Amino acid sequence: MTLPAVTVIGRLTSDPELRWTASGLAVANFTIASNDRRKNAAGEWEDSPATFLRCSIWRTTAENAAESLHRGDEVIAVGRLKERSFETKTGEKRSVMELDLEAIGPSLRTAPVKVVKADRVKAAPSAAAADPWATEPQSWVPAPGNYDTPPF
């Protein structure tokens, strides 16, 4: 059963584990720990109990996540919750909630990040001409005091 999309902010409990399926698809698995931190009535910071969500992400995004993200990184993840049922070795029936991710990225709240665009594979010269991302990006530096919109 697939549930609605959710956004989770939390920290990776380990480096993403990258694997490939028999058909050659990349999949990365990891766990995100998320909790709230609020001030109590006495004005002291208090942490709520952590929620641990097992996550999986597929294809190129899995490879990028495995290369870019590491244990302890704060991330923002968007995906769909799904319930998975299984039977233990002792015959007990159990179910767990997992997050099938659509997107994940580092949180800029805790560290600066430099984005490096991955090389794209071009199928044919005619396809590259129709691809707006196939051209070199324009560089833009705002005039002093003008940070609203780029000139293009």
N, C-alpha and C. Protein backbone atom coordinates (compact mmCIF):
# COMPACT_ATOMS: atom_id res chain seq x y z
N MET A 1 0.84 -1.17 0.00
CA MET A 1 0.00 0.00 0.00
C MET A 1 0.89 1.24 0.00
N THR A 2 0.66 2.16 -0.92
CA THR A 2 1.42 3.39 -1.00
C THR A 2 0.61 4.52 -0.40
N LEU A 3 1.25 5.30 0.44
CA LEU A 3 0.60 6.42 1.10
C LEU A 3 1.04 7.73 0.45
N PRO A 4 0.47 8.87 0.86
CA PRO A 4 0.81 10.16 0.23
C PRO A 4 2.28 10.52 0.38
N ALA A 5 2.71 11.46 -0.46
CA ALA A 5 4.09 11.93 -0.42
C ALA A 5 4.35 12.70 0.87
N VAL A 6 5.56 12.54 1.40
CA VAL A 6 5.96 13.23 2.62
C VAL A 6 7.35 13.84 2.43
N THR A 7 7.64 14.85 3.22
CA THR A 7 8.96 15.46 3.25
C THR A 7 9.54 15.23 4.63
N VAL A 8 10.78 14.75 4.68
CA VAL A 8 11.45 14.45 5.94
C VAL A 8 12.76 15.21 5.98
N ILE A 9 13.03 15.85 7.12
CA ILE A 9 14.32 16.48 7.36
C ILE A 9 14.97 15.72 8.51
N GLY A 10 16.17 15.23 8.28
CA GLY A 10 16.84 14.46 9.32
C GLY A 10 18.28 14.19 8.94
N ARG A 11 18.90 13.29 9.69
CA ARG A 11 20.31 12.95 9.46
C ARG A 11 20.46 11.49 9.06
N LEU A 12 21.41 11.24 8.17
CA LEU A 12 21.70 9.87 7.75
C LEU A 12 22.39 9.14 8.90
N THR A 13 21.94 7.93 9.18
CA THR A 13 22.56 7.16 10.26
C THR A 13 23.76 6.35 9.77
N SER A 14 23.93 6.26 8.45
CA SER A 14 25.09 5.58 7.86
C SER A 14 25.25 6.07 6.42
N ASP A 15 26.37 5.75 5.81
CA ASP A 15 26.55 6.08 4.39
C ASP A 15 25.54 5.30 3.56
N PRO A 16 25.02 5.90 2.47
CA PRO A 16 24.11 5.14 1.60
C PRO A 16 24.80 3.88 1.07
N GLU A 17 24.06 2.78 1.06
CA GLU A 17 24.57 1.50 0.56
C GLU A 17 24.07 1.33 -0.87
N LEU A 18 24.99 1.39 -1.83
CA LEU A 18 24.64 1.31 -3.24
C LEU A 18 24.74 -0.12 -3.73
N ARG A 19 23.68 -0.58 -4.38
CA ARG A 19 23.65 -1.93 -4.98
C ARG A 19 23.01 -1.84 -6.36
N TRP A 20 23.11 -2.94 -7.10
CA TRP A 20 22.49 -3.02 -8.42
C TRP A 20 21.59 -4.23 -8.47
N THR A 21 20.45 -4.08 -9.13
CA THR A 21 19.54 -5.20 -9.31
C THR A 21 20.10 -6.11 -10.41
N ALA A 22 19.47 -7.27 -10.58
CA ALA A 22 19.90 -8.20 -11.64
C ALA A 22 19.76 -7.57 -13.02
N SER A 23 18.81 -6.65 -13.18
CA SER A 23 18.61 -6.00 -14.48
C SER A 23 19.51 -4.77 -14.66
N GLY A 24 20.35 -4.45 -13.65
CA GLY A 24 21.31 -3.36 -13.79
C GLY A 24 20.87 -2.02 -13.23
N LEU A 25 19.73 -1.96 -12.54
CA LEU A 25 19.28 -0.70 -11.95
C LEU A 25 20.00 -0.45 -10.62
N ALA A 26 20.45 0.78 -10.42
CA ALA A 26 21.10 1.14 -9.17
C ALA A 26 20.04 1.45 -8.12
N VAL A 27 20.29 1.03 -6.88
CA VAL A 27 19.42 1.36 -5.75
C VAL A 27 20.31 1.64 -4.54
N ALA A 28 20.00 2.73 -3.84
CA ALA A 28 20.73 3.08 -2.62
C ALA A 28 19.77 2.97 -1.45
N ASN A 29 20.22 2.37 -0.36
CA ASN A 29 19.41 2.22 0.85
C ASN A 29 20.14 2.86 2.02
N PHE A 30 19.37 3.48 2.89
CA PHE A 30 19.92 4.12 4.09
C PHE A 30 18.77 4.45 5.03
N THR A 31 19.11 4.89 6.23
CA THR A 31 18.12 5.26 7.23
C THR A 31 18.29 6.74 7.58
N ILE A 32 17.17 7.43 7.69
CA ILE A 32 17.16 8.83 8.12
C ILE A 32 16.56 8.88 9.52
N ALA A 33 17.27 9.53 10.43
CA ALA A 33 16.75 9.76 11.79
C ALA A 33 16.26 11.19 11.87
N SER A 34 15.02 11.37 12.31
CA SER A 34 14.42 12.69 12.36
C SER A 34 13.78 12.92 13.71
N ASN A 35 13.97 14.10 14.26
CA ASN A 35 13.30 14.46 15.50
C ASN A 35 13.18 15.98 15.61
N ASP A 36 12.30 16.43 16.50
CA ASP A 36 12.11 17.86 16.73
C ASP A 36 12.94 18.30 17.92
N ARG A 37 13.36 19.54 17.89
CA ARG A 37 14.07 20.15 19.02
C ARG A 37 13.33 21.45 19.32
N ARG A 38 12.84 21.53 20.55
CA ARG A 38 12.07 22.70 20.96
C ARG A 38 12.49 23.14 22.35
N LYS A 39 12.18 24.41 22.64
CA LYS A 39 12.43 24.90 23.99
C LYS A 39 11.26 24.51 24.88
N ASN A 40 11.57 24.03 26.08
CA ASN A 40 10.52 23.67 27.03
C ASN A 40 10.10 24.92 27.82
N ALA A 41 9.22 24.75 28.79
CA ALA A 41 8.71 25.87 29.57
C ALA A 41 9.81 26.59 30.34
N ALA A 42 10.89 25.87 30.67
CA ALA A 42 12.00 26.48 31.40
C ALA A 42 12.99 27.19 30.48
N GLY A 43 12.72 27.14 29.17
CA GLY A 43 13.59 27.80 28.20
C GLY A 43 14.79 26.98 27.79
N GLU A 44 14.82 25.69 28.14
CA GLU A 44 15.91 24.81 27.77
C GLU A 44 15.54 24.00 26.53
N TRP A 45 16.53 23.70 25.70
CA TRP A 45 16.29 22.89 24.51
C TRP A 45 16.00 21.45 24.92
N GLU A 46 15.01 20.88 24.25
CA GLU A 46 14.59 19.52 24.54
C GLU A 46 14.36 18.77 23.22
N ASP A 47 14.93 17.58 23.11
CA ASP A 47 14.76 16.77 21.90
C ASP A 47 13.62 15.78 22.08
N SER A 48 12.79 15.66 21.04
CA SER A 48 11.75 14.64 21.06
C SER A 48 12.37 13.31 20.66
N PRO A 49 11.69 12.19 20.91
CA PRO A 49 12.24 10.90 20.48
C PRO A 49 12.42 10.87 18.96
N ALA A 50 13.48 10.22 18.51
CA ALA A 50 13.77 10.16 17.08
C ALA A 50 12.89 9.14 16.38
N THR A 51 12.56 9.44 15.13
CA THR A 51 11.86 8.52 14.24
C THR A 51 12.89 8.07 13.20
N PHE A 52 13.02 6.78 13.03
CA PHE A 52 13.98 6.23 12.07
C PHE A 52 13.20 5.70 10.87
N LEU A 53 13.49 6.23 9.67
CA LEU A 53 12.83 5.78 8.46
C LEU A 53 13.84 5.14 7.52
N ARG A 54 13.58 3.89 7.15
CA ARG A 54 14.41 3.19 6.17
C ARG A 54 14.02 3.74 4.81
N CYS A 55 15.00 4.13 3.99
CA CYS A 55 14.74 4.77 2.70
C CYS A 55 15.43 4.02 1.57
N SER A 56 14.84 4.13 0.39
CA SER A 56 15.48 3.62 -0.82
C SER A 56 15.26 4.64 -1.94
N ILE A 57 16.25 4.74 -2.80
CA ILE A 57 16.17 5.64 -3.95
C ILE A 57 16.82 4.93 -5.13
N TRP A 58 16.35 5.19 -6.35
CA TRP A 58 16.71 4.38 -7.51
C TRP A 58 17.43 5.16 -8.60
N ARG A 59 18.05 4.40 -9.50
CA ARG A 59 18.67 4.83 -10.74
C ARG A 59 19.81 5.83 -10.50
N THR A 60 19.92 6.84 -11.37
CA THR A 60 21.02 7.79 -11.30
C THR A 60 21.01 8.54 -9.97
N THR A 61 19.81 8.82 -9.46
CA THR A 61 19.72 9.53 -8.18
C THR A 61 20.36 8.71 -7.07
N ALA A 62 20.24 7.40 -7.14
CA ALA A 62 20.87 6.53 -6.14
C ALA A 62 22.39 6.65 -6.22
N GLU A 63 22.92 6.64 -7.43
CA GLU A 63 24.36 6.77 -7.60
C GLU A 63 24.86 8.12 -7.10
N ASN A 64 24.11 9.19 -7.42
CA ASN A 64 24.49 10.53 -6.96
C ASN A 64 24.41 10.63 -5.45
N ALA A 65 23.39 10.04 -4.84
CA ALA A 65 23.25 10.07 -3.38
C ALA A 65 24.40 9.32 -2.72
N ALA A 66 24.76 8.16 -3.26
CA ALA A 66 25.85 7.37 -2.67
C ALA A 66 27.18 8.10 -2.77
N GLU A 67 27.37 8.87 -3.82
CA GLU A 67 28.62 9.61 -4.01
C GLU A 67 28.65 10.89 -3.17
N SER A 68 27.49 11.50 -2.93
CA SER A 68 27.44 12.82 -2.32
C SER A 68 27.14 12.84 -0.83
N LEU A 69 26.37 11.88 -0.34
CA LEU A 69 25.88 11.93 1.03
C LEU A 69 26.62 10.96 1.93
N HIS A 70 26.76 11.34 3.20
CA HIS A 70 27.51 10.52 4.14
C HIS A 70 26.83 10.51 5.50
N ARG A 71 27.23 9.57 6.32
CA ARG A 71 26.69 9.43 7.67
C ARG A 71 26.77 10.78 8.41
N GLY A 72 25.67 11.15 9.06
CA GLY A 72 25.63 12.39 9.83
C GLY A 72 25.18 13.60 9.05
N ASP A 73 25.14 13.52 7.71
CA ASP A 73 24.68 14.65 6.91
C ASP A 73 23.21 14.92 7.16
N GLU A 74 22.86 16.20 7.32
CA GLU A 74 21.45 16.55 7.41
C GLU A 74 20.90 16.65 5.99
N VAL A 75 19.79 15.98 5.73
CA VAL A 75 19.20 15.92 4.39
C VAL A 75 17.73 16.31 4.43
N ILE A 76 17.24 16.68 3.26
CA ILE A 76 15.82 16.90 3.04
C ILE A 76 15.41 15.87 2.00
N ALA A 77 14.46 15.03 2.34
CA ALA A 77 14.06 13.93 1.45
C ALA A 77 12.56 13.99 1.19
N VAL A 78 12.19 13.72 -0.06
CA VAL A 78 10.77 13.70 -0.45
C VAL A 78 10.49 12.35 -1.07
N GLY A 79 9.43 11.71 -0.60
CA GLY A 79 9.09 10.41 -1.14
C GLY A 79 7.72 9.95 -0.69
N ARG A 80 7.44 8.71 -0.98
CA ARG A 80 6.15 8.12 -0.62
C ARG A 80 6.36 7.03 0.41
N LEU A 81 5.55 7.10 1.46
CA LEU A 81 5.58 6.05 2.47
C LEU A 81 4.95 4.79 1.90
N LYS A 82 5.51 3.66 2.24
CA LYS A 82 4.89 2.40 1.85
C LYS A 82 5.03 1.43 3.01
N GLU A 83 4.07 0.58 3.14
CA GLU A 83 4.08 -0.41 4.19
C GLU A 83 4.53 -1.73 3.60
N ARG A 84 5.48 -2.37 4.26
CA ARG A 84 5.98 -3.67 3.80
C ARG A 84 5.76 -4.68 4.91
N SER A 85 5.16 -5.79 4.55
CA SER A 85 4.91 -6.86 5.52
C SER A 85 5.89 -8.00 5.27
N PHE A 86 6.27 -8.68 6.37
CA PHE A 86 7.18 -9.81 6.25
C PHE A 86 6.95 -10.74 7.44
N GLU A 87 7.56 -11.90 7.34
CA GLU A 87 7.45 -12.89 8.41
C GLU A 87 8.84 -13.17 8.96
N THR A 88 8.97 -13.15 10.29
CA THR A 88 10.27 -13.40 10.92
C THR A 88 10.60 -14.89 10.86
N LYS A 89 11.82 -15.23 11.26
CA LYS A 89 12.24 -16.63 11.28
C LYS A 89 11.41 -17.46 12.24
N THR A 90 10.87 -16.81 13.25
CA THR A 90 10.05 -17.53 14.23
C THR A 90 8.57 -17.60 13.81
N GLY A 91 8.25 -17.06 12.64
CA GLY A 91 6.88 -17.13 12.12
C GLY A 91 5.99 -15.96 12.48
N GLU A 92 6.53 -14.95 13.15
CA GLU A 92 5.73 -13.77 13.49
C GLU A 92 5.54 -12.90 12.26
N LYS A 93 4.32 -12.38 12.09
CA LYS A 93 4.05 -11.45 10.98
C LYS A 93 4.31 -10.04 11.48
N ARG A 94 5.08 -9.30 10.70
CA ARG A 94 5.43 -7.93 11.05
C ARG A 94 5.22 -7.03 9.84
N SER A 95 5.11 -5.74 10.10
CA SER A 95 5.07 -4.77 9.01
C SER A 95 5.88 -3.55 9.40
N VAL A 96 6.48 -2.92 8.43
CA VAL A 96 7.29 -1.73 8.64
C VAL A 96 6.92 -0.67 7.62
N MET A 97 7.13 0.59 8.00
CA MET A 97 6.93 1.70 7.08
C MET A 97 8.29 2.06 6.50
N GLU A 98 8.33 2.22 5.18
CA GLU A 98 9.56 2.61 4.50
C GLU A 98 9.26 3.81 3.62
N LEU A 99 10.30 4.53 3.24
CA LEU A 99 10.15 5.71 2.40
C LEU A 99 10.82 5.45 1.06
N ASP A 100 10.02 5.43 0.00
CA ASP A 100 10.52 5.27 -1.36
C ASP A 100 10.74 6.68 -1.91
N LEU A 101 12.01 7.10 -1.96
CA LEU A 101 12.33 8.49 -2.26
C LEU A 101 12.22 8.85 -3.73
N GLU A 102 11.74 10.05 -3.96
CA GLU A 102 11.74 10.64 -5.30
C GLU A 102 12.92 11.58 -5.45
N ALA A 103 13.28 12.27 -4.33
CA ALA A 103 14.38 13.23 -4.37
C ALA A 103 14.99 13.35 -2.98
N ILE A 104 16.27 13.68 -2.96
CA ILE A 104 16.99 13.90 -1.69
C ILE A 104 18.10 14.90 -1.95
N GLY A 105 18.39 15.70 -0.94
CA GLY A 105 19.48 16.65 -1.06
C GLY A 105 19.97 17.07 0.31
N PRO A 106 21.16 17.64 0.35
CA PRO A 106 21.71 18.10 1.63
C PRO A 106 20.98 19.34 2.12
N SER A 107 20.88 19.49 3.42
CA SER A 107 20.29 20.68 4.01
C SER A 107 21.36 21.76 4.08
N LEU A 108 21.03 22.96 3.65
CA LEU A 108 21.98 24.06 3.70
C LEU A 108 21.99 24.74 5.06
N ARG A 109 21.16 24.26 5.97
CA ARG A 109 21.11 24.83 7.31
C ARG A 109 22.41 24.56 8.07
N THR A 110 23.03 23.43 7.80
CA THR A 110 24.19 23.03 8.60
C THR A 110 25.53 23.15 7.87
N ALA A 111 25.52 23.30 6.54
CA ALA A 111 26.78 23.37 5.81
C ALA A 111 26.54 23.92 4.41
N PRO A 112 27.54 24.61 3.85
CA PRO A 112 27.41 25.04 2.45
C PRO A 112 27.63 23.85 1.53
N VAL A 113 27.04 23.90 0.36
CA VAL A 113 27.16 22.81 -0.60
C VAL A 113 27.48 23.39 -1.97
N LYS A 114 28.38 22.76 -2.69
CA LYS A 114 28.67 23.16 -4.06
C LYS A 114 28.03 22.13 -4.98
N VAL A 115 27.14 22.60 -5.84
CA VAL A 115 26.45 21.71 -6.77
C VAL A 115 27.29 21.58 -8.04
N VAL A 116 27.53 20.34 -8.43
CA VAL A 116 28.26 20.05 -9.66
C VAL A 116 27.34 19.25 -10.55
N LYS A 117 27.03 19.80 -11.71
CA LYS A 117 26.12 19.12 -12.62
C LYS A 117 26.80 17.90 -13.23
N ALA A 118 26.09 16.78 -13.24
CA ALA A 118 26.62 15.55 -13.82
C ALA A 118 26.62 15.65 -15.34
N ASP A 119 27.57 14.97 -15.99
CA ASP A 119 27.60 14.93 -17.45
C ASP A 119 26.38 14.18 -17.95
N ARG A 120 25.79 14.68 -19.02
CA ARG A 120 24.64 14.02 -19.62
C ARG A 120 25.09 13.26 -20.85
N VAL A 121 24.51 12.11 -21.07
CA VAL A 121 24.82 11.32 -22.26
C VAL A 121 23.87 11.77 -23.36
N LYS A 122 24.44 12.17 -24.49
CA LYS A 122 23.62 12.66 -25.60
C LYS A 122 23.42 11.52 -26.61
N ALA A 123 22.16 11.25 -26.95
CA ALA A 123 21.84 10.15 -27.85
C ALA A 123 22.27 10.46 -29.27
N ALA A 124 21.99 11.67 -29.73
CA ALA A 124 22.31 12.04 -31.10
C ALA A 124 22.47 13.55 -31.17
N PRO A 125 23.20 14.07 -32.19
CA PRO A 125 23.37 15.52 -32.30
C PRO A 125 22.03 16.27 -32.38
N SER A 126 21.05 15.70 -33.07
CA SER A 126 19.75 16.37 -33.19
C SER A 126 19.05 16.43 -31.84
N ALA A 127 19.22 15.39 -31.01
CA ALA A 127 18.61 15.38 -29.68
C ALA A 127 19.28 16.42 -28.79
N ALA A 128 20.59 16.61 -28.95
CA ALA A 128 21.30 17.59 -28.14
C ALA A 128 20.84 19.00 -28.46
N ALA A 129 20.52 19.27 -29.72
CA ALA A 129 20.06 20.60 -30.11
C ALA A 129 18.71 20.91 -29.46
N ALA A 130 17.88 19.91 -29.26
CA ALA A 130 16.57 20.12 -28.65
C ALA A 130 16.63 20.13 -27.13
N ASP A 131 17.77 19.78 -26.56
CA ASP A 131 17.91 19.69 -25.11
C ASP A 131 18.45 21.01 -24.56
N PRO A 132 17.63 21.77 -23.81
CA PRO A 132 18.11 23.05 -23.30
C PRO A 132 19.24 22.90 -22.29
N TRP A 133 19.39 21.72 -21.69
CA TRP A 133 20.44 21.50 -20.70
C TRP A 133 21.75 21.08 -21.35
N ALA A 134 21.76 20.86 -22.67
CA ALA A 134 22.96 20.39 -23.34
C ALA A 134 23.96 21.52 -23.58
N THR A 135 23.54 22.78 -23.44
CA THR A 135 24.44 23.90 -23.67
C THR A 135 25.15 24.28 -22.37
N GLU A 136 26.23 25.01 -22.50
CA GLU A 136 26.96 25.48 -21.33
C GLU A 136 26.10 26.51 -20.60
N PRO A 137 26.09 26.48 -19.28
CA PRO A 137 25.29 27.45 -18.54
C PRO A 137 25.87 28.85 -18.66
N GLN A 138 24.99 29.87 -18.64
CA GLN A 138 25.45 31.24 -18.67
C GLN A 138 25.88 31.62 -17.26
N SER A 139 26.99 32.31 -17.17
CA SER A 139 27.38 32.77 -15.84
C SER A 139 26.73 34.12 -15.60
N TRP A 140 26.38 34.38 -14.37
CA TRP A 140 25.71 35.61 -14.03
C TRP A 140 26.16 36.05 -12.67
N VAL A 141 26.63 37.27 -12.61
CA VAL A 141 27.01 37.86 -11.34
C VAL A 141 26.17 39.12 -11.20
N PRO A 142 25.39 39.24 -10.13
CA PRO A 142 24.52 40.40 -10.00
C PRO A 142 25.31 41.69 -9.79
N ALA A 143 24.72 42.80 -10.28
CA ALA A 143 25.30 44.11 -10.01
C ALA A 143 25.14 44.38 -8.52
N PRO A 144 26.03 45.14 -7.93
CA PRO A 144 25.91 45.43 -6.50
C PRO A 144 24.52 45.94 -6.13
N GLY A 145 23.91 45.30 -5.16
CA GLY A 145 22.59 45.71 -4.70
C GLY A 145 21.44 45.16 -5.52
N ASN A 146 21.71 44.46 -6.66
CA ASN A 146 20.64 43.92 -7.50
C ASN A 146 20.68 42.40 -7.45
N TYR A 147 19.92 41.81 -6.53
CA TYR A 147 19.93 40.36 -6.36
C TYR A 147 18.59 39.73 -6.72
N ASP A 148 17.73 40.49 -7.41
CA ASP A 148 16.37 40.03 -7.68
C ASP A 148 16.30 39.01 -8.81
N THR A 149 16.67 39.41 -10.00
CA THR A 149 16.50 38.51 -11.14
C THR A 149 17.73 38.55 -12.03
N PRO A 150 18.05 37.41 -12.66
CA PRO A 150 19.16 37.41 -13.62
C PRO A 150 18.73 38.13 -14.90
N PRO A 151 19.68 38.61 -15.70
CA PRO A 151 19.36 39.37 -16.90
C PRO A 151 18.89 38.54 -18.09
N PHE A 152 18.74 37.24 -17.95
CA PHE A 152 18.31 36.40 -19.08
C PHE A 152 17.01 35.73 -18.78
